């Protein structure tokens, strides 16, 4: 873990925070050689579940899904 004096951190705060975010390496801020804070990169944000395909593998096929659903003779056609 890298260390940095508080005076240098104060002068380069935004650049230092960006460096921690990009590299993923934590930083310890010291005052008179004693640690007073640790800066760590953020944890990854949880990704929302993808609603497309969320119900896949949950259906159950009951019976014939290819054949006709009823007797074709029983259908009545009106003109």
N, C-alpha and C. Protein backbone atom coordinates (compact mmCIF):
# COMPACT_ATOMS: atom_id res chain seq x y z
N UNK A 1 0.85 -1.17 0.00
CA UNK A 1 0.00 0.00 0.00
C UNK A 1 0.90 1.23 0.00
N UNK A 2 0.58 2.16 -0.87
CA UNK A 2 1.33 3.41 -0.96
C UNK A 2 0.93 4.33 0.19
N UNK A 3 1.86 5.22 0.58
CA UNK A 3 1.59 6.22 1.60
C UNK A 3 1.84 7.61 1.04
N UNK A 4 1.13 8.58 1.59
CA UNK A 4 1.28 9.96 1.15
C UNK A 4 1.02 10.87 2.34
N UNK A 5 1.84 11.90 2.45
CA UNK A 5 1.65 12.88 3.51
C UNK A 5 0.37 13.67 3.24
N UNK A 6 -0.27 14.09 4.31
CA UNK A 6 -1.55 14.79 4.18
C UNK A 6 -1.40 16.10 3.41
N UNK A 7 -0.26 16.78 3.55
CA UNK A 7 -0.06 18.03 2.82
C UNK A 7 -0.01 17.80 1.31
N UNK A 8 0.67 16.72 0.89
CA UNK A 8 0.71 16.40 -0.54
C UNK A 8 -0.66 15.94 -1.02
N UNK A 9 -1.35 15.17 -0.19
CA UNK A 9 -2.70 14.73 -0.58
C UNK A 9 -3.62 15.91 -0.78
N UNK A 10 -3.54 16.89 0.12
CA UNK A 10 -4.39 18.08 0.02
C UNK A 10 -4.11 18.84 -1.27
N UNK A 11 -2.85 18.92 -1.67
CA UNK A 11 -2.48 19.65 -2.88
C UNK A 11 -2.87 18.91 -4.15
N UNK A 12 -2.93 17.58 -4.09
CA UNK A 12 -3.20 16.79 -5.31
C UNK A 12 -4.40 15.87 -5.12
N UNK A 13 -5.37 16.29 -4.37
CA UNK A 13 -6.49 15.44 -3.98
C UNK A 13 -7.21 14.79 -5.17
N UNK A 14 -7.67 15.60 -6.12
CA UNK A 14 -8.47 15.04 -7.23
C UNK A 14 -7.65 14.09 -8.09
N UNK A 15 -6.42 14.46 -8.38
CA UNK A 15 -5.57 13.59 -9.19
C UNK A 15 -5.26 12.29 -8.45
N UNK A 16 -5.05 12.38 -7.13
CA UNK A 16 -4.76 11.20 -6.34
C UNK A 16 -5.96 10.26 -6.29
N UNK A 17 -7.15 10.82 -6.10
CA UNK A 17 -8.36 9.98 -6.08
C UNK A 17 -8.57 9.30 -7.44
N UNK A 18 -8.31 10.00 -8.51
CA UNK A 18 -8.46 9.41 -9.84
C UNK A 18 -7.43 8.30 -10.04
N UNK A 19 -6.22 8.49 -9.54
CA UNK A 19 -5.19 7.45 -9.67
C UNK A 19 -5.60 6.19 -8.91
N UNK A 20 -6.15 6.35 -7.71
CA UNK A 20 -6.61 5.19 -6.93
C UNK A 20 -7.74 4.48 -7.67
N UNK A 21 -8.64 5.25 -8.26
CA UNK A 21 -9.75 4.63 -9.01
C UNK A 21 -9.24 3.85 -10.21
N UNK A 22 -8.29 4.42 -10.95
CA UNK A 22 -7.79 3.77 -12.17
C UNK A 22 -6.92 2.55 -11.87
N UNK A 23 -6.02 2.67 -10.90
CA UNK A 23 -5.09 1.58 -10.63
C UNK A 23 -5.67 0.51 -9.71
N UNK A 24 -6.62 0.89 -8.87
CA UNK A 24 -7.19 -0.06 -7.93
C UNK A 24 -6.32 -0.28 -6.70
N UNK A 25 -5.25 0.47 -6.58
CA UNK A 25 -4.35 0.32 -5.43
C UNK A 25 -4.75 1.31 -4.33
N UNK A 26 -4.91 0.83 -3.10
CA UNK A 26 -5.29 1.72 -2.01
C UNK A 26 -4.15 2.66 -1.64
N UNK A 27 -4.48 3.72 -0.93
CA UNK A 27 -3.52 4.74 -0.53
C UNK A 27 -3.73 5.06 0.95
N UNK A 28 -2.64 5.15 1.69
CA UNK A 28 -2.72 5.52 3.11
C UNK A 28 -2.24 6.97 3.23
N UNK A 29 -3.06 7.81 3.85
CA UNK A 29 -2.71 9.21 4.09
C UNK A 29 -2.16 9.31 5.50
N UNK A 30 -1.00 9.96 5.63
CA UNK A 30 -0.34 10.05 6.93
C UNK A 30 -0.21 11.50 7.38
N UNK A 31 -0.12 11.66 8.69
CA UNK A 31 0.14 12.97 9.29
C UNK A 31 1.23 12.76 10.34
N UNK A 32 2.34 13.42 10.17
CA UNK A 32 3.52 13.24 11.02
C UNK A 32 3.95 11.78 11.06
N UNK A 33 3.80 11.09 9.91
CA UNK A 33 4.24 9.70 9.80
C UNK A 33 3.26 8.67 10.32
N UNK A 34 2.14 9.11 10.89
CA UNK A 34 1.14 8.16 11.42
C UNK A 34 -0.07 8.14 10.49
N UNK A 35 -0.58 6.96 10.20
CA UNK A 35 -1.73 6.88 9.29
C UNK A 35 -2.98 7.49 9.90
N UNK A 36 -3.69 8.27 9.07
CA UNK A 36 -4.95 8.87 9.54
C UNK A 36 -6.13 8.46 8.67
N UNK A 37 -5.85 7.99 7.45
CA UNK A 37 -6.94 7.58 6.57
C UNK A 37 -6.40 6.63 5.52
N UNK A 38 -7.30 5.80 5.01
CA UNK A 38 -6.99 4.92 3.88
C UNK A 38 -8.02 5.18 2.79
N UNK A 39 -7.51 5.33 1.60
CA UNK A 39 -8.39 5.57 0.45
C UNK A 39 -8.34 4.31 -0.40
N UNK A 40 -9.51 3.76 -0.63
CA UNK A 40 -9.62 2.52 -1.42
C UNK A 40 -10.47 2.77 -2.64
N UNK A 41 -10.25 1.99 -3.70
CA UNK A 41 -11.10 2.15 -4.88
C UNK A 41 -12.52 1.69 -4.57
N UNK A 42 -13.50 2.21 -5.28
CA UNK A 42 -14.89 1.83 -5.00
C UNK A 42 -15.15 0.38 -5.40
N UNK A 43 -16.07 -0.22 -4.69
CA UNK A 43 -16.49 -1.57 -5.07
C UNK A 43 -17.36 -1.46 -6.31
N UNK A 44 -17.33 -2.45 -7.19
CA UNK A 44 -18.15 -2.38 -8.39
C UNK A 44 -19.64 -2.31 -8.04
N UNK A 45 -20.34 -1.48 -8.76
CA UNK A 45 -21.79 -1.36 -8.55
C UNK A 45 -22.47 -2.65 -9.01
N UNK A 46 -23.45 -3.11 -8.26
CA UNK A 46 -24.15 -4.33 -8.69
C UNK A 46 -24.92 -4.06 -9.98
N UNK A 47 -24.83 -4.99 -10.90
CA UNK A 47 -25.53 -4.83 -12.16
C UNK A 47 -26.98 -5.28 -11.99
N UNK A 48 -27.92 -4.53 -12.52
CA UNK A 48 -29.31 -4.95 -12.41
C UNK A 48 -29.53 -6.22 -13.23
N UNK A 49 -30.41 -7.08 -12.76
CA UNK A 49 -30.67 -8.30 -13.51
C UNK A 49 -31.25 -7.99 -14.89
N UNK A 50 -30.85 -8.75 -15.85
CA UNK A 50 -31.34 -8.57 -17.21
C UNK A 50 -32.73 -9.19 -17.32
N UNK A 51 -33.72 -8.36 -17.62
CA UNK A 51 -35.09 -8.87 -17.67
C UNK A 51 -35.32 -9.70 -18.93
N UNK A 52 -34.51 -9.50 -19.95
CA UNK A 52 -34.65 -10.33 -21.15
C UNK A 52 -34.10 -11.72 -20.85
N UNK A 53 -34.92 -12.69 -20.96
CA UNK A 53 -34.50 -14.06 -20.70
C UNK A 53 -34.51 -14.43 -19.22
N UNK A 54 -35.08 -13.58 -18.38
CA UNK A 54 -35.08 -13.85 -16.96
C UNK A 54 -35.91 -15.09 -16.60
N UNK A 55 -36.89 -15.42 -17.42
CA UNK A 55 -37.76 -16.56 -17.12
C UNK A 55 -37.38 -17.82 -17.90
N UNK A 56 -36.23 -17.80 -18.58
CA UNK A 56 -35.84 -18.98 -19.35
C UNK A 56 -35.61 -20.17 -18.42
N UNK A 57 -35.86 -21.33 -18.94
CA UNK A 57 -35.73 -22.59 -18.20
C UNK A 57 -36.73 -22.70 -17.05
N UNK A 58 -37.80 -21.91 -17.07
CA UNK A 58 -38.79 -22.02 -16.00
C UNK A 58 -40.11 -22.60 -16.52
N UNK A 59 -40.27 -22.71 -17.83
CA UNK A 59 -41.51 -23.25 -18.39
C UNK A 59 -41.49 -24.76 -18.46
N UNK A 60 -42.67 -25.33 -18.57
CA UNK A 60 -42.79 -26.78 -18.67
C UNK A 60 -43.74 -27.08 -19.83
N UNK A 61 -43.30 -27.94 -20.75
CA UNK A 61 -44.12 -28.31 -21.90
C UNK A 61 -45.00 -29.49 -21.49
N UNK A 62 -46.31 -29.29 -21.65
CA UNK A 62 -47.27 -30.35 -21.34
C UNK A 62 -48.00 -30.72 -22.62
N UNK A 63 -47.75 -31.90 -23.15
CA UNK A 63 -48.45 -32.36 -24.34
C UNK A 63 -47.72 -32.00 -25.63
N UNK A 64 -48.45 -32.12 -26.74
CA UNK A 64 -47.91 -31.91 -28.07
C UNK A 64 -47.98 -30.43 -28.43
N UNK A 65 -46.84 -29.82 -28.76
CA UNK A 65 -46.84 -28.40 -29.12
C UNK A 65 -46.76 -28.20 -30.62
N UNK A 66 -46.69 -29.30 -31.40
CA UNK A 66 -46.56 -29.19 -32.85
C UNK A 66 -47.88 -29.52 -33.54
N UNK A 67 -48.61 -30.49 -33.03
CA UNK A 67 -49.84 -30.94 -33.68
C UNK A 67 -50.98 -29.95 -33.50
N UNK A 68 -52.10 -30.20 -34.18
CA UNK A 68 -53.27 -29.32 -34.07
C UNK A 68 -53.86 -29.36 -32.66
N UNK A 69 -54.53 -28.30 -32.29
CA UNK A 69 -55.09 -28.22 -30.95
C UNK A 69 -56.46 -28.87 -30.83
N UNK A 70 -57.08 -29.16 -31.93
CA UNK A 70 -58.40 -29.78 -31.89
C UNK A 70 -58.67 -30.52 -33.19
N UNK A 71 -59.88 -31.02 -33.31
CA UNK A 71 -60.29 -31.75 -34.51
C UNK A 71 -60.67 -30.76 -35.60
N UNK A 72 -60.04 -30.85 -36.77
CA UNK A 72 -60.30 -29.90 -37.85
C UNK A 72 -61.71 -30.04 -38.41
N UNK A 73 -62.36 -31.19 -38.30
CA UNK A 73 -63.68 -31.42 -38.81
C UNK A 73 -64.71 -30.61 -38.01
N UNK A 74 -64.45 -30.39 -36.76
CA UNK A 74 -65.41 -29.69 -35.90
C UNK A 74 -65.45 -28.19 -36.18
N UNK A 75 -64.57 -27.68 -36.97
CA UNK A 75 -64.54 -26.23 -37.24
C UNK A 75 -65.64 -25.88 -38.24
N UNK A 76 -66.32 -24.82 -37.98
CA UNK A 76 -67.39 -24.38 -38.87
C UNK A 76 -66.95 -23.11 -39.58
N UNK A 77 -67.17 -23.10 -40.89
CA UNK A 77 -66.78 -21.94 -41.69
C UNK A 77 -68.06 -21.25 -42.17
N UNK A 78 -68.17 -19.94 -41.92
CA UNK A 78 -69.33 -19.16 -42.37
C UNK A 78 -68.90 -18.23 -43.46
N UNK A 79 -69.77 -18.08 -44.43
CA UNK A 79 -69.47 -17.15 -45.51
C UNK A 79 -70.41 -16.00 -45.52
